[in-house]
N, C-alpha and C. Protein backbone atom coordinates (compact mmCIF):
# COMPACT_ATOMS: atom_id res chain seq x y z
N MET A 1 -14.74 2.30 -5.26
CA MET A 1 -15.56 2.63 -4.04
C MET A 1 -15.27 4.20 -3.73
N SER A 2 -16.28 4.89 -3.68
CA SER A 2 -16.24 6.38 -3.51
C SER A 2 -16.76 6.72 -2.17
N GLN A 3 -17.11 5.91 -1.41
CA GLN A 3 -17.79 6.27 -0.10
C GLN A 3 -16.65 6.81 0.80
N ARG A 4 -17.13 7.66 1.71
CA ARG A 4 -16.33 8.23 2.75
C ARG A 4 -16.06 7.20 3.80
N ALA A 5 -14.81 7.03 4.32
CA ALA A 5 -14.45 5.94 5.25
C ALA A 5 -15.27 6.19 6.61
N ASN A 6 -15.76 4.96 7.11
CA ASN A 6 -16.40 5.07 8.45
C ASN A 6 -15.19 4.98 9.59
N LYS A 7 -15.78 4.97 10.89
CA LYS A 7 -14.71 5.14 11.91
C LYS A 7 -13.70 3.87 11.86
N ARG A 8 -14.22 2.59 11.61
CA ARG A 8 -13.31 1.50 11.67
C ARG A 8 -12.26 1.56 10.51
N GLU A 9 -12.87 1.97 9.34
CA GLU A 9 -12.03 2.08 8.15
C GLU A 9 -10.87 3.14 8.38
N SER A 10 -11.34 4.24 8.88
CA SER A 10 -10.47 5.38 9.21
C SER A 10 -9.38 4.92 10.14
N ALA A 11 -9.73 4.33 11.22
CA ALA A 11 -8.79 3.77 12.28
C ALA A 11 -7.78 2.87 11.44
N HIS A 12 -8.33 1.93 10.55
CA HIS A 12 -7.37 0.95 9.93
C HIS A 12 -6.39 1.73 9.08
N MET A 13 -6.96 2.71 8.31
CA MET A 13 -6.04 3.40 7.33
C MET A 13 -5.06 4.22 8.22
N GLY A 14 -5.34 4.72 9.36
CA GLY A 14 -4.54 5.37 10.24
C GLY A 14 -3.32 4.53 10.62
N ARG A 15 -3.71 3.23 10.98
CA ARG A 15 -2.64 2.37 11.36
C ARG A 15 -1.74 2.07 10.12
N VAL A 16 -2.22 1.90 9.04
CA VAL A 16 -1.56 1.67 7.77
C VAL A 16 -0.66 2.90 7.43
N ALA A 17 -1.06 4.12 7.59
CA ALA A 17 -0.31 5.25 7.42
C ALA A 17 0.80 5.55 8.37
N ALA A 18 0.65 4.96 9.48
CA ALA A 18 1.76 4.92 10.50
C ALA A 18 2.94 3.97 10.15
N MET A 19 2.64 3.02 9.24
CA MET A 19 3.67 2.01 8.98
C MET A 19 4.82 2.62 8.03
N GLU A 20 5.84 1.83 8.00
CA GLU A 20 6.82 2.12 6.84
C GLU A 20 6.40 1.75 5.57
N CYS A 21 6.92 2.20 4.48
CA CYS A 21 6.54 1.81 3.18
C CYS A 21 6.87 0.32 3.00
N ILE A 22 5.72 -0.45 2.57
CA ILE A 22 5.89 -1.82 2.46
C ILE A 22 6.93 -2.28 1.38
N CYS A 23 6.93 -1.55 0.26
CA CYS A 23 7.86 -1.82 -0.88
C CYS A 23 9.30 -1.56 -0.36
N CYS A 24 9.65 -0.44 0.29
CA CYS A 24 10.94 -0.16 0.73
C CYS A 24 11.45 -1.21 1.83
N TYR A 25 10.50 -1.65 2.64
CA TYR A 25 10.71 -2.73 3.58
C TYR A 25 11.11 -3.90 2.95
N LEU A 26 10.37 -4.51 1.90
CA LEU A 26 10.59 -5.64 1.30
C LEU A 26 11.84 -5.50 0.35
N LEU A 27 12.18 -4.43 -0.14
CA LEU A 27 13.31 -4.25 -1.02
C LEU A 27 14.53 -4.03 -0.19
N GLY A 28 14.40 -3.93 1.18
CA GLY A 28 15.69 -3.58 2.09
C GLY A 28 16.15 -2.23 1.90
N ARG A 29 15.33 -1.22 1.57
CA ARG A 29 15.74 0.07 1.39
C ARG A 29 15.33 1.05 2.35
N LYS A 30 15.91 2.21 2.57
CA LYS A 30 15.56 3.13 3.53
C LYS A 30 14.47 4.07 2.84
N GLN A 31 13.37 4.28 3.60
CA GLN A 31 12.25 5.09 3.07
C GLN A 31 12.68 6.58 3.23
N GLU A 32 12.53 7.37 2.13
CA GLU A 32 13.03 8.67 1.99
C GLU A 32 11.86 9.77 1.98
N SER A 33 10.58 9.27 1.90
CA SER A 33 9.53 10.35 2.04
C SER A 33 8.50 9.82 2.81
N LYS A 34 7.54 10.70 3.09
CA LYS A 34 6.38 10.28 4.01
C LYS A 34 5.50 9.12 3.44
N THR A 35 4.97 8.40 4.34
CA THR A 35 4.07 7.27 3.96
C THR A 35 2.74 7.89 3.54
N SER A 36 2.26 7.28 2.40
CA SER A 36 0.79 7.60 1.98
C SER A 36 0.10 6.26 1.92
N VAL A 37 -1.21 6.26 2.01
CA VAL A 37 -2.02 5.04 1.92
C VAL A 37 -2.56 5.01 0.55
N HIS A 38 -2.34 3.80 -0.11
CA HIS A 38 -2.67 3.46 -1.38
C HIS A 38 -3.81 2.35 -1.39
N HIS A 39 -4.84 2.71 -1.99
CA HIS A 39 -5.93 1.67 -2.18
C HIS A 39 -5.56 0.78 -3.33
N VAL A 40 -5.46 -0.57 -3.19
CA VAL A 40 -4.94 -1.44 -4.14
C VAL A 40 -5.89 -1.41 -5.38
N ARG A 41 -5.45 -1.51 -6.56
CA ARG A 41 -6.19 -1.43 -7.80
C ARG A 41 -6.02 -2.71 -8.63
N VAL A 42 -6.51 -3.90 -8.16
CA VAL A 42 -6.45 -5.05 -8.96
C VAL A 42 -7.88 -5.63 -9.09
N GLY A 43 -8.15 -5.91 -10.36
CA GLY A 43 -9.44 -6.38 -10.69
C GLY A 43 -10.63 -5.29 -10.60
N HIS A 44 -10.29 -3.98 -10.72
CA HIS A 44 -11.09 -2.91 -10.70
C HIS A 44 -11.00 -2.03 -11.99
N GLY A 45 -11.97 -1.35 -12.34
CA GLY A 45 -11.90 -0.41 -13.55
C GLY A 45 -10.97 0.63 -13.15
N GLY A 46 -10.60 1.34 -14.25
CA GLY A 46 -9.51 2.49 -14.12
C GLY A 46 -9.84 3.50 -13.07
N ALA A 47 -11.11 3.85 -13.07
CA ALA A 47 -11.38 4.97 -12.00
C ALA A 47 -11.80 4.41 -10.71
N GLN A 48 -11.89 3.20 -10.52
CA GLN A 48 -12.39 2.57 -9.33
C GLN A 48 -11.19 2.07 -8.51
N ARG A 49 -11.49 2.01 -7.07
CA ARG A 49 -10.43 1.58 -6.16
C ARG A 49 -11.06 0.53 -5.32
N ALA A 50 -10.25 -0.24 -4.58
CA ALA A 50 -10.78 -1.17 -3.58
C ALA A 50 -11.29 -0.52 -2.42
N GLY A 51 -11.85 -1.22 -1.49
CA GLY A 51 -12.35 -0.73 -0.16
C GLY A 51 -11.19 -0.17 0.68
N HIS A 52 -11.58 0.57 1.65
CA HIS A 52 -10.67 1.19 2.67
C HIS A 52 -9.90 0.32 3.45
N PHE A 53 -10.25 -0.99 3.57
CA PHE A 53 -9.48 -1.88 4.33
C PHE A 53 -8.36 -2.62 3.35
N CYS A 54 -8.49 -2.37 2.04
CA CYS A 54 -7.54 -2.91 1.09
C CYS A 54 -6.62 -1.79 0.78
N THR A 55 -5.82 -1.37 1.66
CA THR A 55 -4.82 -0.30 1.59
C THR A 55 -3.32 -0.81 2.00
N VAL A 56 -2.47 -0.20 1.37
CA VAL A 56 -1.08 -0.41 1.74
C VAL A 56 -0.32 0.88 1.99
N PRO A 57 0.65 0.74 2.79
CA PRO A 57 1.67 1.98 3.07
C PRO A 57 2.70 2.07 2.00
N LEU A 58 2.76 3.23 1.26
CA LEU A 58 3.86 3.36 0.30
C LEU A 58 4.42 4.74 0.46
N CYS A 59 5.78 4.86 0.32
CA CYS A 59 6.35 6.13 0.33
C CYS A 59 5.85 7.02 -0.93
N GLU A 60 5.47 8.06 -0.56
CA GLU A 60 4.76 9.01 -1.50
C GLU A 60 5.63 9.36 -2.74
N ASP A 61 6.77 9.76 -2.53
CA ASP A 61 7.67 10.20 -3.72
C ASP A 61 8.25 9.19 -4.59
N ASP A 62 8.33 7.95 -4.08
CA ASP A 62 9.04 6.84 -4.89
C ASP A 62 8.04 5.69 -5.10
N CYS A 63 7.79 4.93 -4.16
CA CYS A 63 6.90 3.62 -4.48
C CYS A 63 5.45 3.95 -4.79
N HIS A 64 5.00 5.11 -4.43
CA HIS A 64 3.58 5.37 -4.70
C HIS A 64 3.44 6.16 -6.00
N GLN A 65 4.01 7.37 -6.11
CA GLN A 65 3.80 8.31 -7.20
C GLN A 65 5.03 8.34 -8.02
N GLY A 66 6.12 7.85 -7.70
CA GLY A 66 7.43 7.84 -8.48
C GLY A 66 7.39 7.06 -9.69
N ARG A 67 8.27 7.35 -10.57
CA ARG A 67 8.48 6.57 -11.88
C ARG A 67 8.36 5.20 -11.74
N ASN A 68 8.94 4.56 -10.69
CA ASN A 68 9.05 3.11 -10.61
C ASN A 68 7.97 2.46 -9.69
N GLY A 69 7.12 3.38 -9.17
CA GLY A 69 6.07 3.14 -8.24
C GLY A 69 4.80 2.42 -8.85
N VAL A 70 3.79 2.30 -7.88
CA VAL A 70 2.52 1.61 -8.43
C VAL A 70 1.80 2.49 -9.47
N HIS A 71 1.95 3.88 -9.27
CA HIS A 71 1.29 4.62 -10.31
C HIS A 71 2.16 5.06 -11.42
N GLY A 72 3.42 4.45 -11.51
CA GLY A 72 4.30 4.54 -12.54
C GLY A 72 4.44 3.27 -13.41
N ASP A 73 5.65 2.90 -13.69
CA ASP A 73 5.79 1.61 -14.46
C ASP A 73 5.80 0.41 -13.71
N GLN A 74 5.62 0.46 -12.37
CA GLN A 74 5.46 -0.61 -11.36
C GLN A 74 6.81 -1.48 -11.41
N HIS A 75 7.95 -0.89 -11.65
CA HIS A 75 9.20 -1.54 -11.66
C HIS A 75 9.53 -2.31 -10.34
N TYR A 76 9.14 -1.58 -9.23
CA TYR A 76 9.59 -2.21 -7.98
C TYR A 76 8.68 -3.52 -7.77
N LEU A 77 7.45 -3.53 -8.24
CA LEU A 77 6.72 -4.78 -8.10
C LEU A 77 7.25 -5.85 -8.95
N HIS A 78 7.81 -5.46 -10.20
CA HIS A 78 8.52 -6.52 -10.99
C HIS A 78 9.72 -7.08 -10.28
N ILE A 79 10.49 -6.20 -9.62
CA ILE A 79 11.64 -6.67 -8.88
C ILE A 79 11.25 -7.61 -7.75
N LEU A 80 10.16 -7.19 -7.09
CA LEU A 80 9.90 -8.16 -5.97
C LEU A 80 9.00 -9.31 -6.46
N LYS A 81 8.62 -9.37 -7.71
CA LYS A 81 7.87 -10.44 -8.32
C LYS A 81 6.50 -10.63 -7.50
N MET A 82 5.93 -9.35 -7.29
CA MET A 82 4.63 -9.33 -6.48
C MET A 82 3.58 -8.51 -7.29
N THR A 83 2.39 -8.71 -6.81
CA THR A 83 1.33 -7.80 -7.30
C THR A 83 0.88 -6.92 -6.08
N GLN A 84 -0.11 -5.96 -6.47
CA GLN A 84 -0.68 -5.23 -5.29
C GLN A 84 -1.37 -6.04 -4.27
N ILE A 85 -1.89 -7.10 -4.73
CA ILE A 85 -2.61 -7.94 -3.69
C ILE A 85 -1.48 -8.57 -2.80
N ASP A 86 -0.41 -8.95 -3.34
CA ASP A 86 0.71 -9.45 -2.56
C ASP A 86 1.22 -8.37 -1.63
N LEU A 87 1.20 -7.16 -1.99
CA LEU A 87 1.65 -6.10 -0.98
C LEU A 87 0.57 -5.90 0.04
N LEU A 88 -0.73 -6.08 -0.32
CA LEU A 88 -1.74 -6.10 0.78
C LEU A 88 -1.53 -7.10 1.77
N ASN A 89 -1.28 -8.39 1.33
CA ASN A 89 -0.99 -9.48 2.18
C ASN A 89 0.19 -9.20 3.14
N ALA A 90 1.33 -8.67 2.47
CA ALA A 90 2.53 -8.42 3.32
C ALA A 90 2.16 -7.29 4.32
N THR A 91 1.36 -6.24 4.04
CA THR A 91 1.05 -5.32 4.92
C THR A 91 0.18 -5.83 6.07
N LEU A 92 -0.80 -6.63 5.76
CA LEU A 92 -1.61 -7.22 6.88
C LEU A 92 -0.89 -8.12 7.66
N GLU A 93 0.10 -8.91 7.06
CA GLU A 93 0.95 -9.73 7.84
C GLU A 93 1.85 -8.81 8.91
N ARG A 94 2.47 -7.79 8.42
CA ARG A 94 3.14 -7.00 9.35
C ARG A 94 2.28 -6.32 10.36
N LEU A 95 1.09 -5.82 10.00
CA LEU A 95 0.23 -5.18 10.81
C LEU A 95 -0.31 -6.12 11.86
N TYR A 96 -0.77 -7.15 11.55
CA TYR A 96 -1.55 -8.11 12.46
C TYR A 96 -0.87 -9.43 12.74
N GLY A 97 0.43 -9.77 12.20
CA GLY A 97 0.91 -11.00 12.28
C GLY A 97 1.37 -11.46 13.57
N ASP A 98 1.76 -10.47 14.51
CA ASP A 98 2.32 -10.86 15.84
C ASP A 98 1.19 -11.10 16.91
N GLN A 99 -0.15 -10.80 16.49
CA GLN A 99 -1.17 -10.95 17.35
C GLN A 99 -1.69 -12.44 17.52
N ARG A 100 -1.71 -13.00 18.75
CA ARG A 100 -2.09 -14.33 18.89
C ARG A 100 -3.22 -14.43 19.98
């Protein structure tokens, strides 16, 4: 998806960007760099990404772009026994889980 985000998508990504890194949270670690928004890449071609609602918060220097992160060897996902879709589910649960 290469389209520019609309208002609702931008608002959602803003809420995701305000969260702590979902991997650090699940690993019980302290986040050490700023949060960036990652579009999950499961079931898409190499240059494609999921829509703007399919985003997760990841710390930029480690879980996102770092050697063990989703753009590296994905070691943290292996430790968690999770996929990027599982991270998306955990993100949405944290973001919207308390609403009734």
